[in-house]
Amino acid sequence: MNTVISVKIDKATKEAAQEVAKSMGLTLSTLVNSYLLQVIATRRVELYAPEKMTPHLEKLIGEVEADIALHGLSPAFNTVEEFMTNLKNSDHAA
């Protein structure tokens, strides 16, 4: 037997959630139902809101990407000694 839950949310939130659900081939009702079943099964409420990147972090990522483009990536290491040897022989070493 089904029942109806009435939840007040702003229109933009509802439309955005419907769009996400539709992109997954689901209805908003199915999406909400699935989340509630997950809460029941895990007895946990998990919320996720990604943090926005700060200008400082964007700058750092740009520097790393430029460095990778210029120098490539280091090889994989099997031992600390291999890593230390590579680090000592690197042109980045001080």
PDB file of N, CA and C in Angstrom:
ATOM      1  N   MET A   1       0.835  -1.168   0.000  1.00  0.00           N
ATOM      2  CA  MET A   1       0.000   0.000   0.000  1.00  0.00           C
ATOM      3  C   MET A   1       0.890   1.244   0.000  1.00  0.00           C
ATOM      4  N   ASN A   2       0.625   2.161  -0.875  1.00  0.00           N
ATOM      5  CA  ASN A   2       1.388   3.407  -0.967  1.00  0.00           C
ATOM      6  C   ASN A   2       0.714   4.516  -0.184  1.00  0.00           C
ATOM      7  N   THR A   3       1.520   5.486   0.223  1.00  0.00           N
ATOM      8  CA  THR A   3       1.010   6.669   0.902  1.00  0.00           C
ATOM      9  C   THR A   3       1.678   7.885   0.276  1.00  0.00           C
ATOM     10  N   VAL A   4       1.155   9.045   0.521  1.00  0.00           N
ATOM     11  CA  VAL A   4       1.678  10.273  -0.062  1.00  0.00           C
ATOM     12  C   VAL A   4       2.360  11.093   1.023  1.00  0.00           C
ATOM     13  N   ILE A   5       3.539  11.608   0.698  1.00  0.00           N
ATOM     14  CA  ILE A   5       4.252  12.527   1.579  1.00  0.00           C
ATOM     15  C   ILE A   5       4.272  13.871   0.872  1.00  0.00           C
ATOM     16  N   SER A   6       3.923  14.910   1.576  1.00  0.00           N
ATOM     17  CA  SER A   6       3.957  16.246   1.003  1.00  0.00           C
ATOM     18  C   SER A   6       5.159  16.984   1.583  1.00  0.00           C
ATOM     19  N   VAL A   7       6.036  17.440   0.700  1.00  0.00           N
ATOM     20  CA  VAL A   7       7.258  18.123   1.128  1.00  0.00           C
ATOM     21  C   VAL A   7       7.307  19.469   0.425  1.00  0.00           C
ATOM     22  N   LYS A   8       7.581  20.516   1.174  1.00  0.00           N
ATOM     23  CA  LYS A   8       7.691  21.844   0.578  1.00  0.00           C
ATOM     24  C   LYS A   8       9.154  22.136   0.251  1.00  0.00           C
ATOM     25  N   ILE A   9       9.404  22.380  -1.016  1.00  0.00           N
ATOM     26  CA  ILE A   9      10.732  22.792  -1.486  1.00  0.00           C
ATOM     27  C   ILE A   9      10.536  23.859  -2.546  1.00  0.00           C
ATOM     28  N   ASP A  10      11.589  24.623  -2.813  1.00  0.00           N
ATOM     29  CA  ASP A  10      11.416  25.655  -3.834  1.00  0.00           C
ATOM     30  C   ASP A  10      11.387  25.013  -5.219  1.00  0.00           C
ATOM     31  N   LYS A  11      10.766  25.719  -6.139  1.00  0.00           N
ATOM     32  CA  LYS A  11      10.520  25.196  -7.483  1.00  0.00           C
ATOM     33  C   LYS A  11      11.816  24.825  -8.202  1.00  0.00           C
ATOM     34  N   ALA A  12      12.844  25.663  -8.069  1.00  0.00           N
ATOM     35  CA  ALA A  12      14.108  25.402  -8.758  1.00  0.00           C
ATOM     36  C   ALA A  12      14.752  24.108  -8.265  1.00  0.00           C
ATOM     37  N   THR A  13      14.673  23.866  -6.951  1.00  0.00           N
ATOM     38  CA  THR A  13      15.229  22.636  -6.389  1.00  0.00           C
ATOM     39  C   THR A  13      14.494  21.421  -6.929  1.00  0.00           C
ATOM     40  N   LYS A  14      13.171  21.497  -6.950  1.00  0.00           N
ATOM     41  CA  LYS A  14      12.370  20.387  -7.466  1.00  0.00           C
ATOM     42  C   LYS A  14      12.710  20.105  -8.924  1.00  0.00           C
ATOM     43  N   GLU A  15      12.770  21.144  -9.732  1.00  0.00           N
ATOM     44  CA  GLU A  15      13.050  20.961 -11.152  1.00  0.00           C
ATOM     45  C   GLU A  15      14.446  20.390 -11.384  1.00  0.00           C
ATOM     46  N   ALA A  16      15.421  20.880 -10.611  1.00  0.00           N
ATOM     47  CA  ALA A  16      16.788  20.367 -10.744  1.00  0.00           C
ATOM     48  C   ALA A  16      16.852  18.897 -10.335  1.00  0.00           C
ATOM     49  N   ALA A  17      16.174  18.540  -9.255  1.00  0.00           N
ATOM     50  CA  ALA A  17      16.148  17.143  -8.803  1.00  0.00           C
ATOM     51  C   ALA A  17      15.439  16.256  -9.819  1.00  0.00           C
ATOM     52  N   GLN A  18      14.355  16.745 -10.402  1.00  0.00           N
ATOM     53  CA  GLN A  18      13.646  15.981 -11.437  1.00  0.00           C
ATOM     54  C   GLN A  18      14.558  15.748 -12.644  1.00  0.00           C
ATOM     55  N   GLU A  19      15.334  16.749 -12.993  1.00  0.00           N
ATOM     56  CA  GLU A  19      16.261  16.625 -14.124  1.00  0.00           C
ATOM     57  C   GLU A  19      17.313  15.553 -13.847  1.00  0.00           C
ATOM     58  N   VAL A  20      17.855  15.559 -12.629  1.00  0.00           N
ATOM     59  CA  VAL A  20      18.849  14.548 -12.258  1.00  0.00           C
ATOM     60  C   VAL A  20      18.219  13.158 -12.292  1.00  0.00           C
ATOM     61  N   ALA A  21      17.047  13.031 -11.696  1.00  0.00           N
ATOM     62  CA  ALA A  21      16.357  11.739 -11.682  1.00  0.00           C
ATOM     63  C   ALA A  21      16.092  11.255 -13.103  1.00  0.00           C
ATOM     64  N   LYS A  22      15.598  12.157 -13.952  1.00  0.00           N
ATOM     65  CA  LYS A  22      15.284  11.790 -15.334  1.00  0.00           C
ATOM     66  C   LYS A  22      16.532  11.343 -16.078  1.00  0.00           C
ATOM     67  N   SER A  23      17.665  11.991 -15.823  1.00  0.00           N
ATOM     68  CA  SER A  23      18.911  11.611 -16.503  1.00  0.00           C
ATOM     69  C   SER A  23      19.348  10.198 -16.132  1.00  0.00           C
ATOM     70  N   MET A  24      18.836   9.703 -15.005  1.00  0.00           N
ATOM     71  CA  MET A  24      19.148   8.346 -14.553  1.00  0.00           C
ATOM     72  C   MET A  24      18.032   7.364 -14.906  1.00  0.00           C
ATOM     73  N   GLY A  25      17.022   7.869 -15.592  1.00  0.00           N
ATOM     74  CA  GLY A  25      15.891   7.021 -15.970  1.00  0.00           C
ATOM     75  C   GLY A  25      14.930   6.773 -14.816  1.00  0.00           C
ATOM     76  N   LEU A  26      14.907   7.695 -13.850  1.00  0.00           N
ATOM     77  CA  LEU A  26      14.059   7.547 -12.672  1.00  0.00           C
ATOM     78  C   LEU A  26      13.071   8.695 -12.576  1.00  0.00           C
ATOM     79  N   THR A  27      12.039   8.483 -11.796  1.00  0.00           N
ATOM     80  CA  THR A  27      11.148   9.583 -11.444  1.00  0.00           C
ATOM     81  C   THR A  27      11.665  10.179 -10.139  1.00  0.00           C
ATOM     82  N   LEU A  28      11.216  11.384  -9.830  1.00  0.00           N
ATOM     83  CA  LEU A  28      11.601  12.005  -8.572  1.00  0.00           C
ATOM     84  C   LEU A  28      11.075  11.178  -7.398  1.00  0.00           C
ATOM     85  N   SER A  29       9.908  10.620  -7.551  1.00  0.00           N
ATOM     86  CA  SER A  29       9.322   9.777  -6.517  1.00  0.00           C
ATOM     87  C   SER A  29      10.211   8.557  -6.244  1.00  0.00           C
ATOM     88  N   THR A  30      10.697   7.928  -7.294  1.00  0.00           N
ATOM     89  CA  THR A  30      11.577   6.767  -7.140  1.00  0.00           C
ATOM     90  C   THR A  30      12.877   7.167  -6.463  1.00  0.00           C
ATOM     91  N   LEU A  31      13.403   8.327  -6.847  1.00  0.00           N
ATOM     92  CA  LEU A  31      14.648   8.815  -6.247  1.00  0.00           C
ATOM     93  C   LEU A  31      14.470   9.050  -4.747  1.00  0.00           C
ATOM     94  N   VAL A  32      13.411   9.724  -4.356  1.00  0.00           N
ATOM     95  CA  VAL A  32      13.147   9.993  -2.937  1.00  0.00           C
ATOM     96  C   VAL A  32      12.894   8.682  -2.199  1.00  0.00           C
ATOM     97  N   ASN A  33      12.113   7.793  -2.790  1.00  0.00           N
ATOM     98  CA  ASN A  33      11.824   6.499  -2.191  1.00  0.00           C
ATOM     99  C   ASN A  33      13.117   5.719  -1.940  1.00  0.00           C
ATOM    100  N   SER A  34      13.996   5.703  -2.928  1.00  0.00           N
ATOM    101  CA  SER A  34      15.268   4.989  -2.794  1.00  0.00           C
ATOM    102  C   SER A  34      16.106   5.566  -1.670  1.00  0.00           C
ATOM    103  N   TYR A  35      16.136   6.890  -1.569  1.00  0.00           N
ATOM    104  CA  TYR A  35      16.926   7.514  -0.516  1.00  0.00           C
ATOM    105  C   TYR A  35      16.364   7.155   0.860  1.00  0.00           C
ATOM    106  N   LEU A  36      15.042   7.193   0.995  1.00  0.00           N
ATOM    107  CA  LEU A  36      14.435   6.851   2.278  1.00  0.00           C
ATOM    108  C   LEU A  36      14.699   5.389   2.642  1.00  0.00           C
ATOM    109  N   LEU A  37      14.662   4.500   1.659  1.00  0.00           N
ATOM    110  CA  LEU A  37      14.990   3.096   1.923  1.00  0.00           C
ATOM    111  C   LEU A  37      16.445   2.942   2.355  1.00  0.00           C
ATOM    112  N   GLN A  38      17.333   3.734   1.765  1.00  0.00           N
ATOM    113  CA  GLN A  38      18.739   3.703   2.158  1.00  0.00           C
ATOM    114  C   GLN A  38      18.903   4.180   3.604  1.00  0.00           C
ATOM    115  N   VAL A  39      18.196   5.234   3.975  1.00  0.00           N
ATOM    116  CA  VAL A  39      18.241   5.740   5.356  1.00  0.00           C
ATOM    117  C   VAL A  39      17.772   4.654   6.321  1.00  0.00           C
ATOM    118  N   ILE A  40      16.703   3.966   5.965  1.00  0.00           N
ATOM    119  CA  ILE A  40      16.183   2.899   6.823  1.00  0.00           C
ATOM    120  C   ILE A  40      17.198   1.762   6.940  1.00  0.00           C
ATOM    121  N   ALA A  41      17.765   1.345   5.813  1.00  0.00           N
ATOM    122  CA  ALA A  41      18.699   0.213   5.803  1.00  0.00           C
ATOM    123  C   ALA A  41      19.989   0.514   6.561  1.00  0.00           C
ATOM    124  N   THR A  42      20.503   1.727   6.412  1.00  0.00           N
ATOM    125  CA  THR A  42      21.793   2.065   7.026  1.00  0.00           C
ATOM    126  C   THR A  42      21.637   2.764   8.370  1.00  0.00           C
ATOM    127  N   ARG A  43      20.413   3.266   8.626  1.00  0.00           N
ATOM    128  CA  ARG A  43      20.145   4.050   9.841  1.00  0.00           C
ATOM    129  C   ARG A  43      21.070   5.256   9.913  1.00  0.00           C
ATOM    130  N   ARG A  44      21.408   5.790   8.733  1.00  0.00           N
ATOM    131  CA  ARG A  44      22.282   6.959   8.629  1.00  0.00           C
ATOM    132  C   ARG A  44      21.716   7.923   7.604  1.00  0.00           C
ATOM    133  N   VAL A  45      21.936   9.199   7.850  1.00  0.00           N
ATOM    134  CA  VAL A  45      21.579  10.240   6.889  1.00  0.00           C
ATOM    135  C   VAL A  45      22.894  10.832   6.410  1.00  0.00           C
ATOM    136  N   GLU A  46      23.177  10.662   5.128  1.00  0.00           N
ATOM    137  CA  GLU A  46      24.410  11.185   4.572  1.00  0.00           C
ATOM    138  C   GLU A  46      24.086  12.281   3.570  1.00  0.00           C
ATOM    139  N   LEU A  47      24.630  13.443   3.820  1.00  0.00           N
ATOM    140  CA  LEU A  47      24.423  14.591   2.936  1.00  0.00           C
ATOM    141  C   LEU A  47      25.773  14.982   2.363  1.00  0.00           C
ATOM    142  N   TYR A  48      25.774  15.389   1.123  1.00  0.00           N
ATOM    143  CA  TYR A  48      27.012  15.766   0.464  1.00  0.00           C
ATOM    144  C   TYR A  48      26.796  17.065  -0.284  1.00  0.00           C
ATOM    145  N   ALA A  49      27.633  18.020  -0.004  1.00  0.00           N
ATOM    146  CA  ALA A  49      27.613  19.282  -0.735  1.00  0.00           C
ATOM    147  C   ALA A  49      29.056  19.615  -1.086  1.00  0.00           C
ATOM    148  N   PRO A  50      29.427  19.466  -2.354  1.00  0.00           N
ATOM    149  CA  PRO A  50      30.823  19.720  -2.714  1.00  0.00           C
ATOM    150  C   PRO A  50      31.202  21.172  -2.440  1.00  0.00           C
ATOM    151  N   GLU A  51      32.420  21.326  -1.942  1.00  0.00           N
ATOM    152  CA  GLU A  51      32.908  22.677  -1.686  1.00  0.00           C
ATOM    153  C   GLU A  51      33.321  23.321  -3.006  1.00  0.00           C
ATOM    154  N   LYS A  52      33.095  24.619  -3.098  1.00  0.00           N
ATOM    155  CA  LYS A  52      33.519  25.346  -4.285  1.00  0.00           C
ATOM    156  C   LYS A  52      35.012  25.594  -4.189  1.00  0.00           C
ATOM    157  N   MET A  53      35.659  25.535  -5.344  1.00  0.00           N
ATOM    158  CA  MET A  53      37.083  25.758  -5.386  1.00  0.00           C
ATOM    159  C   MET A  53      37.404  27.230  -5.147  1.00  0.00           C
ATOM    160  N   THR A  54      38.383  27.461  -4.303  1.00  0.00           N
ATOM    161  CA  THR A  54      38.807  28.832  -4.020  1.00  0.00           C
ATOM    162  C   THR A  54      39.760  29.295  -5.117  1.00  0.00           C
ATOM    163  N   PRO A  55      39.921  30.587  -5.316  1.00  0.00           N
ATOM    164  CA  PRO A  55      40.892  31.084  -6.295  1.00  0.00           C
ATOM    165  C   PRO A  55      42.307  30.572  -6.002  1.00  0.00           C
ATOM    166  N   HIS A  56      42.654  30.469  -4.718  1.00  0.00           N
ATOM    167  CA  HIS A  56      43.987  29.965  -4.346  1.00  0.00           C
ATOM    168  C   HIS A  56      44.162  28.516  -4.800  1.00  0.00           C
ATOM    169  N   LEU A  57      43.150  27.677  -4.561  1.00  0.00           N
ATOM    170  CA  LEU A  57      43.233  26.281  -4.973  1.00  0.00           C
ATOM    171  C   LEU A  57      43.279  26.165  -6.494  1.00  0.00           C
ATOM    172  N   GLU A  58      42.499  26.981  -7.193  1.00  0.00           N
ATOM    173  CA  GLU A  58      42.533  26.973  -8.659  1.00  0.00           C
ATOM    174  C   GLU A  58      43.931  27.320  -9.166  1.00  0.00           C
ATOM    175  N   LYS A  59      44.589  28.303  -8.519  1.00  0.00           N
ATOM    176  CA  LYS A  59      45.938  28.702  -8.901  1.00  0.00           C
ATOM    177  C   LYS A  59      46.913  27.548  -8.680  1.00  0.00           C
ATOM    178  N   LEU A  60      46.813  26.885  -7.531  1.00  0.00           N
ATOM    179  CA  LEU A  60      47.704  25.765  -7.235  1.00  0.00           C
ATOM    180  C   LEU A  60      47.519  24.623  -8.237  1.00  0.00           C
ATOM    181  N   ILE A  61      46.270  24.309  -8.550  1.00  0.00           N
ATOM    182  CA  ILE A  61      46.011  23.244  -9.521  1.00  0.00           C
ATOM    183  C   ILE A  61      46.566  23.624 -10.885  1.00  0.00           C
ATOM    184  N   GLY A  62      46.425  24.883 -11.272  1.00  0.00           N
ATOM    185  CA  GLY A  62      46.992  25.348 -12.539  1.00  0.00           C
ATOM    186  C   GLY A  62      48.502  25.197 -12.568  1.00  0.00           C
ATOM    187  N   GLU A  63      49.157  25.513 -11.452  1.00  0.00           N
ATOM    188  CA  GLU A  63      50.612  25.361 -11.372  1.00  0.00           C
ATOM    189  C   GLU A  63      51.026  23.894 -11.500  1.00  0.00           C
ATOM    190  N   VAL A  64      50.300  23.009 -10.840  1.00  0.00           N
ATOM    191  CA  VAL A  64      50.605  21.579 -10.913  1.00  0.00           C
ATOM    192  C   VAL A  64      50.383  21.067 -12.333  1.00  0.00           C
ATOM    193  N   GLU A  65      49.285  21.463 -12.949  1.00  0.00           N
ATOM    194  CA  GLU A  65      49.015  21.024 -14.322  1.00  0.00           C
ATOM    195  C   GLU A  65      50.082  21.531 -15.275  1.00  0.00           C
ATOM    196  N   ALA A  66      50.539  22.763 -15.100  1.00  0.00           N
ATOM    197  CA  ALA A  66      51.596  23.313 -15.954  1.00  0.00           C
ATOM    198  C   ALA A  66      52.894  22.551 -15.739  1.00  0.00           C
ATOM    199  N   ASP A  67      53.205  22.221 -14.483  1.00  0.00           N
ATOM    200  CA  ASP A  67      54.417  21.473 -14.171  1.00  0.00           C
ATOM    201  C   ASP A  67      54.371  20.076 -14.792  1.00  0.00           C
ATOM    202  N   ILE A  68      53.207  19.436 -14.721  1.00  0.00           N
ATOM    203  CA  ILE A  68      53.061  18.103 -15.322  1.00  0.00           C
ATOM    204  C   ILE A  68      53.238  18.198 -16.834  1.00  0.00           C
ATOM    205  N   ALA A  69      52.651  19.219 -17.455  1.00  0.00           N
ATOM    206  CA  ALA A  69      52.775  19.387 -18.904  1.00  0.00           C
ATOM    207  C   ALA A  69      54.231  19.621 -19.304  1.00  0.00           C
ATOM    208  N   LEU A  70      54.968  20.344 -18.477  1.00  0.00           N
ATOM    209  CA  LEU A  70      56.355  20.674 -18.786  1.00  0.00           C
ATOM    210  C   LEU A  70      57.310  19.519 -18.500  1.00  0.00           C
ATOM    211  N   HIS A  71      57.113  18.862 -17.367  1.00  0.00           N
ATOM    212  CA  HIS A  71      58.069  17.844 -16.926  1.00  0.00           C
ATOM    213  C   HIS A  71      57.526  16.423 -16.953  1.00  0.00           C
ATOM    214  N   GLY A  72      56.253  16.247 -17.175  1.00  0.00           N
ATOM    215  CA  GLY A  72      55.664  14.907 -17.138  1.00  0.00           C
ATOM    216  C   GLY A  72      55.491  14.446 -15.708  1.00  0.00           C
ATOM    217  N   LEU A  73      55.045  13.227 -15.567  1.00  0.00           N
ATOM    218  CA  LEU A  73      54.847  12.643 -14.251  1.00  0.00           C
ATOM    219  C   LEU A  73      56.051  11.811 -13.865  1.00  0.00           C
ATOM    220  N   SER A  74      56.251  11.669 -12.582  1.00  0.00           N
ATOM    221  CA  SER A  74      57.337  10.801 -12.133  1.00  0.00           C
ATOM    222  C   SER A  74      56.929   9.351 -12.353  1.00  0.00           C
ATOM    223  N   PRO A  75      57.891   8.456 -12.436  1.00  0.00           N
ATOM    224  CA  PRO A  75      57.544   7.044 -12.584  1.00  0.00           C
ATOM    225  C   PRO A  75      56.990   6.487 -11.273  1.00  0.00           C
ATOM    226  N   ALA A  76      56.446   5.295 -11.335  1.00  0.00           N
ATOM    227  CA  ALA A  76      56.001   4.610 -10.121  1.00  0.00           C
ATOM    228  C   ALA A  76      57.230   4.051  -9.414  1.00  0.00           C
ATOM    229  N   PHE A  77      57.179   3.993  -8.108  1.00  0.00           N
ATOM    230  CA  PHE A  77      58.310   3.497  -7.326  1.00  0.00           C
ATOM    231  C   PHE A  77      57.894   2.269  -6.538  1.00  0.00           C
ATOM    232  N   ASN A  78      58.827   1.308  -6.437  1.00  0.00           N
ATOM    233  CA  ASN A  78      58.569   0.087  -5.668  1.00  0.00           C
ATOM    234  C   ASN A  78      59.125   0.173  -4.252  1.00  0.00           C
ATOM    235  N   THR A  79      60.101   1.056  -4.065  1.00  0.00           N
ATOM    236  CA  THR A  79      60.706   1.189  -2.741  1.00  0.00           C
ATOM    237  C   THR A  79      60.933   2.660  -2.428  1.00  0.00           C
ATOM    238  N   VAL A  80      61.133   2.936  -1.165  1.00  0.00           N
ATOM    239  CA  VAL A  80      61.452   4.294  -0.737  1.00  0.00           C
ATOM    240  C   VAL A  80      62.806   4.696  -1.327  1.00  0.00           C
ATOM    241  N   GLU A  81      63.717   3.744  -1.403  1.00  0.00           N
ATOM    242  CA  GLU A  81      65.044   4.045  -1.956  1.00  0.00           C
ATOM    243  C   GLU A  81      64.947   4.507  -3.411  1.00  0.00           C
ATOM    244  N   GLU A  82      64.118   3.847  -4.214  1.00  0.00           N
ATOM    245  CA  GLU A  82      63.918   4.276  -5.609  1.00  0.00           C
ATOM    246  C   GLU A  82      63.378   5.698  -5.649  1.00  0.00           C
ATOM    247  N   PHE A  83      62.418   5.992  -4.789  1.00  0.00           N
ATOM    248  CA  PHE A  83      61.843   7.326  -4.729  1.00  0.00           C
ATOM    249  C   PHE A  83      62.894   8.356  -4.361  1.00  0.00           C
ATOM    250  N   MET A  84      63.689   8.061  -3.326  1.00  0.00           N
ATOM    251  CA  MET A  84      64.702   9.013  -2.858  1.00  0.00           C
ATOM    252  C   MET A  84      65.765   9.247  -3.925  1.00  0.00           C
ATOM    253  N   THR A  85      66.167   8.190  -4.626  1.00  0.00           N
ATOM    254  CA  THR A  85      67.155   8.338  -5.704  1.00  0.00           C
ATOM    255  C   THR A  85      66.605   9.234  -6.801  1.00  0.00           C
ATOM    256  N   ASN A  86      65.360   9.009  -7.188  1.00  0.00           N
ATOM    257  CA  ASN A  86      64.734   9.827  -8.218  1.00  0.00           C
ATOM    258  C   ASN A  86      64.614  11.273  -7.755  1.00  0.00           C
ATOM    259  N   LEU A  87      64.253  11.462  -6.512  1.00  0.00           N
ATOM    260  CA  LEU A  87      64.104  12.807  -5.967  1.00  0.00           C
ATOM    261  C   LEU A  87      65.443  13.541  -5.960  1.00  0.00           C
ATOM    262  N   LYS A  88      66.509  12.846  -5.563  1.00  0.00           N
ATOM    263  CA  LYS A  88      67.838  13.464  -5.522  1.00  0.00           C
ATOM    264  C   LYS A  88      68.338  13.812  -6.914  1.00  0.00           C
ATOM    265  N   ASN A  89      67.968  13.007  -7.907  1.00  0.00           N
ATOM    266  CA  ASN A  89      68.415  13.229  -9.274  1.00  0.00           C
ATOM    267  C   ASN A  89      67.495  14.159 -10.056  1.00  0.00           C
ATOM    268  N   SER A  90      66.417  14.550  -9.450  1.00  0.00           N
ATOM    269  CA  SER A  90      65.428  15.404 -10.116  1.00  0.00           C
ATOM    270  C   SER A  90      65.940  16.820 -10.233  1.00  0.00           C
ATOM    271  N   ASP A  91      65.534  17.526 -11.292  1.00  0.00           N
ATOM    272  CA  ASP A  91      65.924  18.925 -11.426  1.00  0.00           C
ATOM    273  C   ASP A  91      65.067  19.820 -10.525  1.00  0.00           C
ATOM    274  N   HIS A  92      64.106  19.223  -9.799  1.00  0.00           N
ATOM    275  CA  HIS A  92      63.305  19.980  -8.836  1.00  0.00           C
ATOM    276  C   HIS A  92      63.942  19.992  -7.462  1.00  0.00           C
ATOM    277  N   ALA A  93      64.950  19.126  -7.252  1.00  0.00           N
ATOM    278  CA  ALA A  93      65.569  19.052  -5.928  1.00  0.00           C
ATOM    279  C   ALA A  93      66.337  20.325  -5.628  1.00  0.00           C
ATOM    280  N   ALA A  94      66.286  20.740  -4.402  1.00  0.00           N
ATOM    281  CA  ALA A  94      66.965  21.969  -3.992  1.00  0.00           C
ATOM    282  C   ALA A  94      68.412  21.701  -3.685  1.00  0.00           C
TER     283      ALA A  94
END
